[in-house]
Amino acid sequence: MGVNMATSGVHHVALRVSDYARAKRFYAETLGFPVILEVPNLFLFLAGGTAVGVRGPDEQTPRGDAFSPFRVGMDHIALACTDEAELSRVADALSQAGVENTGVKLDPALGKSYVAFKDPDRIAWELYMA
């Protein structure tokens, strides 16, 4: 018999980055997510109703470490979108802000449109049609 965990969904996601100040500029200024809490070496921002925690490097963080969606662990984070026009707007705004992105693409597996982009540590994100 399984655990049958009762949950209402994701409470928060936590990311480890190589450069705290650069990550804060990217998420708060470039992407415009509201920072709701900041303490030493950690800030939280809201992506819709989900809190995302961003922690700077720790003494145990390997120098030169980089995100890879091919290692065991997180592949990417997808934020929900309910408006196709918003996907195009975000793709254009990301490009204007100098953020590399895919433009609007179609996921052949699910038949949904999305825009994929990466943060300064190359952590993969998507804005995905819900």
C-alpha atoms as a PDB file:
ATOM      1  CA  MET A   1       0.000   0.000   0.000  1.00  0.00           C
ATOM      2  CA  GLY A   2       1.321   3.428  -0.921  1.00  0.00           C
ATOM      3  CA  VAL A   3       1.812   6.402   1.379  1.00  0.00           C
ATOM      4  CA  ASN A   4      -1.246   8.181  -0.128  1.00  0.00           C
ATOM      5  CA  MET A   5       0.101  11.608   0.827  1.00  0.00           C
ATOM      6  CA  ALA A   6      -2.580  14.315   1.125  1.00  0.00           C
ATOM      7  CA  THR A   7      -1.310  17.573  -0.371  1.00  0.00           C
ATOM      8  CA  SER A   8      -2.775  20.642  -2.004  1.00  0.00           C
ATOM      9  CA  GLY A   9       0.256  21.024  -4.300  1.00  0.00           C
ATOM     10  CA  VAL A  10       3.690  22.620  -4.346  1.00  0.00           C
ATOM     11  CA  HIS A  11       4.373  24.938  -1.402  1.00  0.00           C
ATOM     12  CA  HIS A  12       7.710  26.281  -2.650  1.00  0.00           C
ATOM     13  CA  VAL A  13      10.683  25.520  -4.842  1.00  0.00           C
ATOM     14  CA  ALA A  14      14.239  26.260  -3.691  1.00  0.00           C
ATOM     15  CA  LEU A  15      17.161  26.968  -6.012  1.00  0.00           C
ATOM     16  CA  ARG A  16      20.899  27.193  -5.281  1.00  0.00           C
ATOM     17  CA  VAL A  17      22.749  29.742  -7.420  1.00  0.00           C
ATOM     18  CA  SER A  18      26.407  30.592  -7.936  1.00  0.00           C
ATOM     19  CA  ASP A  19      26.003  34.382  -7.623  1.00  0.00           C
ATOM     20  CA  TYR A  20      23.355  35.670  -5.203  1.00  0.00           C
ATOM     21  CA  ALA A  21      23.350  39.322  -6.352  1.00  0.00           C
ATOM     22  CA  ARG A  22      23.193  38.372 -10.036  1.00  0.00           C
ATOM     23  CA  ALA A  23      20.297  35.969  -9.370  1.00  0.00           C
ATOM     24  CA  LYS A  24      18.373  38.597  -7.396  1.00  0.00           C
ATOM     25  CA  ARG A  25      18.764  41.124 -10.228  1.00  0.00           C
ATOM     26  CA  PHE A  26      17.563  38.525 -12.748  1.00  0.00           C
ATOM     27  CA  TYR A  27      14.489  37.312 -10.869  1.00  0.00           C
ATOM     28  CA  ALA A  28      13.413  40.605  -9.276  1.00  0.00           C
ATOM     29  CA  GLU A  29      14.479  43.208 -11.840  1.00  0.00           C
ATOM     30  CA  THR A  30      14.694  41.433 -15.209  1.00  0.00           C
ATOM     31  CA  LEU A  31      11.737  39.070 -14.744  1.00  0.00           C
ATOM     32  CA  GLY A  32       9.877  41.356 -12.318  1.00  0.00           C
ATOM     33  CA  PHE A  33       8.889  38.775  -9.702  1.00  0.00           C
ATOM     34  CA  PRO A  34       8.038  40.397  -6.336  1.00  0.00           C
ATOM     35  CA  VAL A  35      10.541  39.646  -3.573  1.00  0.00           C
ATOM     36  CA  ILE A  36       8.539  38.800  -0.443  1.00  0.00           C
ATOM     37  CA  LEU A  37      11.369  38.001   1.971  1.00  0.00           C
ATOM     38  CA  GLU A  38      15.097  38.522   2.160  1.00  0.00           C
ATOM     39  CA  VAL A  39      17.484  37.290   4.824  1.00  0.00           C
ATOM     40  CA  PRO A  40      21.236  36.681   4.528  1.00  0.00           C
ATOM     41  CA  ASN A  41      21.972  34.508   1.496  1.00  0.00           C
ATOM     42  CA  LEU A  42      18.274  33.797   0.785  1.00  0.00           C
ATOM     43  CA  PHE A  43      15.432  35.630  -0.906  1.00  0.00           C
ATOM     44  CA  LEU A  44      11.928  34.461  -1.739  1.00  0.00           C
ATOM     45  CA  PHE A  45       9.872  35.661  -4.666  1.00  0.00           C
ATOM     46  CA  LEU A  46       6.358  34.824  -5.788  1.00  0.00           C
ATOM     47  CA  ALA A  47       5.693  33.203  -9.141  1.00  0.00           C
ATOM     48  CA  GLY A  48       1.923  33.393  -9.114  1.00  0.00           C
ATOM     49  CA  GLY A  49       0.956  31.671  -5.882  1.00  0.00           C
ATOM     50  CA  THR A  50       4.170  29.646  -5.561  1.00  0.00           C
ATOM     51  CA  ALA A  51       7.088  30.845  -3.477  1.00  0.00           C
ATOM     52  CA  VAL A  52      10.510  30.322  -4.980  1.00  0.00           C
ATOM     53  CA  GLY A  53      13.505  30.487  -2.668  1.00  0.00           C
ATOM     54  CA  VAL A  54      16.902  31.429  -4.042  1.00  0.00           C
ATOM     55  CA  ARG A  55      19.996  30.675  -1.990  1.00  0.00           C
ATOM     56  CA  GLY A  56      23.491  31.860  -2.773  1.00  0.00           C
ATOM     57  CA  PRO A  57      26.475  29.535  -2.794  1.00  0.00           C
ATOM     58  CA  ASP A  58      27.446  27.690   0.367  1.00  0.00           C
ATOM     59  CA  GLU A  59      30.876  26.538   1.510  1.00  0.00           C
ATOM     60  CA  GLN A  60      29.866  23.093   0.213  1.00  0.00           C
ATOM     61  CA  THR A  61      28.927  24.422  -3.240  1.00  0.00           C
ATOM     62  CA  PRO A  62      31.637  23.239  -5.674  1.00  0.00           C
ATOM     63  CA  ARG A  63      33.491  26.078  -7.403  1.00  0.00           C
ATOM     64  CA  GLY A  64      32.469  26.346 -11.031  1.00  0.00           C
ATOM     65  CA  ASP A  65      29.413  24.151 -10.516  1.00  0.00           C
ATOM     66  CA  ALA A  66      26.722  24.616 -13.164  1.00  0.00           C
ATOM     67  CA  PHE A  67      23.148  23.462 -13.575  1.00  0.00           C
ATOM     68  CA  SER A  68      22.526  20.562 -15.949  1.00  0.00           C
ATOM     69  CA  PRO A  69      19.075  19.213 -16.785  1.00  0.00           C
ATOM     70  CA  PHE A  70      20.751  15.881 -17.558  1.00  0.00           C
ATOM     71  CA  ARG A  71      21.971  15.133 -14.023  1.00  0.00           C
ATOM     72  CA  VAL A  72      19.734  13.414 -11.515  1.00  0.00           C
ATOM     73  CA  GLY A  73      17.543  16.059  -9.873  1.00  0.00           C
ATOM     74  CA  MET A  74      15.572  18.912 -11.340  1.00  0.00           C
ATOM     75  CA  ASP A  75      15.167  19.114 -15.106  1.00  0.00           C
ATOM     76  CA  HIS A  76      13.281  22.436 -15.296  1.00  0.00           C
ATOM     77  CA  ILE A  77      10.558  24.541 -13.681  1.00  0.00           C
ATOM     78  CA  ALA A  78       7.383  25.347 -15.624  1.00  0.00           C
ATOM     79  CA  LEU A  79       5.106  28.236 -14.664  1.00  0.00           C
ATOM     80  CA  ALA A  80       1.483  28.058 -15.789  1.00  0.00           C
ATOM     81  CA  CYS A  81       0.104  30.497 -18.351  1.00  0.00           C
ATOM     82  CA  THR A  82      -3.521  30.818 -19.435  1.00  0.00           C
ATOM     83  CA  ASP A  83      -3.176  33.277 -22.330  1.00  0.00           C
ATOM     84  CA  GLU A  84      -1.457  32.474 -25.646  1.00  0.00           C
ATOM     85  CA  ALA A  85      -0.836  36.192 -26.251  1.00  0.00           C
ATOM     86  CA  GLU A  86       1.059  36.348 -22.949  1.00  0.00           C
ATOM     87  CA  LEU A  87       3.490  33.723 -24.237  1.00  0.00           C
ATOM     88  CA  SER A  88       4.378  35.934 -27.211  1.00  0.00           C
ATOM     89  CA  ARG A  89       4.610  39.033 -25.035  1.00  0.00           C
ATOM     90  CA  VAL A  90       6.938  37.294 -22.579  1.00  0.00           C
ATOM     91  CA  ALA A  91       9.133  35.865 -25.357  1.00  0.00           C
ATOM     92  CA  ASP A  92       9.529  39.371 -26.829  1.00  0.00           C
ATOM     93  CA  ALA A  93      10.154  40.953 -23.418  1.00  0.00           C
ATOM     94  CA  LEU A  94      12.766  38.310 -22.561  1.00  0.00           C
ATOM     95  CA  SER A  95      14.547  38.975 -25.858  1.00  0.00           C
ATOM     96  CA  GLN A  96      14.457  42.741 -25.272  1.00  0.00           C
ATOM     97  CA  ALA A  97      15.955  42.151 -21.802  1.00  0.00           C
ATOM     98  CA  GLY A  98      18.758  40.083 -23.358  1.00  0.00           C
ATOM     99  CA  VAL A  99      17.481  36.780 -21.962  1.00  0.00           C
ATOM    100  CA  GLU A 100      18.009  33.891 -24.369  1.00  0.00           C
ATOM    101  CA  ASN A 101      14.708  32.083 -25.009  1.00  0.00           C
ATOM    102  CA  THR A 102      13.088  29.709 -27.466  1.00  0.00           C
ATOM    103  CA  GLY A 103      10.282  31.983 -28.561  1.00  0.00           C
ATOM    104  CA  VAL A 104       6.857  30.361 -28.553  1.00  0.00           C
ATOM    105  CA  LYS A 105       7.162  26.640 -29.277  1.00  0.00           C
ATOM    106  CA  LEU A 106       4.737  23.712 -29.324  1.00  0.00           C
ATOM    107  CA  ASP A 107       5.379  20.753 -27.029  1.00  0.00           C
ATOM    108  CA  PRO A 108       4.662  17.799 -29.320  1.00  0.00           C
ATOM    109  CA  ALA A 109       4.104  15.433 -26.387  1.00  0.00           C
ATOM    110  CA  LEU A 110       1.271  17.436 -24.808  1.00  0.00           C
ATOM    111  CA  GLY A 111       0.229  19.721 -27.663  1.00  0.00           C
ATOM    112  CA  LYS A 112       0.724  22.853 -25.527  1.00  0.00           C
ATOM    113  CA  SER A 113       2.599  26.061 -26.318  1.00  0.00           C
ATOM    114  CA  TYR A 114       5.432  27.338 -24.142  1.00  0.00           C
ATOM    115  CA  VAL A 115       8.422  29.662 -23.953  1.00  0.00           C
ATOM    116  CA  ALA A 116      11.630  28.244 -22.451  1.00  0.00           C
ATOM    117  CA  PHE A 117      14.472  30.340 -21.002  1.00  0.00           C
ATOM    118  CA  LYS A 118      17.369  30.020 -18.577  1.00  0.00           C
ATOM    119  CA  ASP A 119      18.501  32.044 -15.597  1.00  0.00           C
ATOM    120  CA  PRO A 120      22.127  33.212 -15.269  1.00  0.00           C
ATOM    121  CA  ASP A 121      23.125  29.813 -13.797  1.00  0.00           C
ATOM    122  CA  ARG A 122      21.434  28.114 -16.763  1.00  0.00           C
ATOM    123  CA  ILE A 123      18.577  26.806 -14.594  1.00  0.00           C
ATOM    124  CA  ALA A 124      15.845  25.972 -17.089  1.00  0.00           C
ATOM    125  CA  TRP A 125      12.402  27.603 -16.844  1.00  0.00           C
ATOM    126  CA  GLU A 126       9.282  27.535 -19.008  1.00  0.00           C
ATOM    127  CA  LEU A 127       6.131  29.596 -19.224  1.00  0.00           C
ATOM    128  CA  TYR A 128       3.709  26.859 -20.248  1.00  0.00           C
ATOM    129  CA  MET A 129       0.053  26.931 -21.349  1.00  0.00           C
ATOM    130  CA  ALA A 130      -2.039  25.389 -18.585  1.00  0.00           C
END
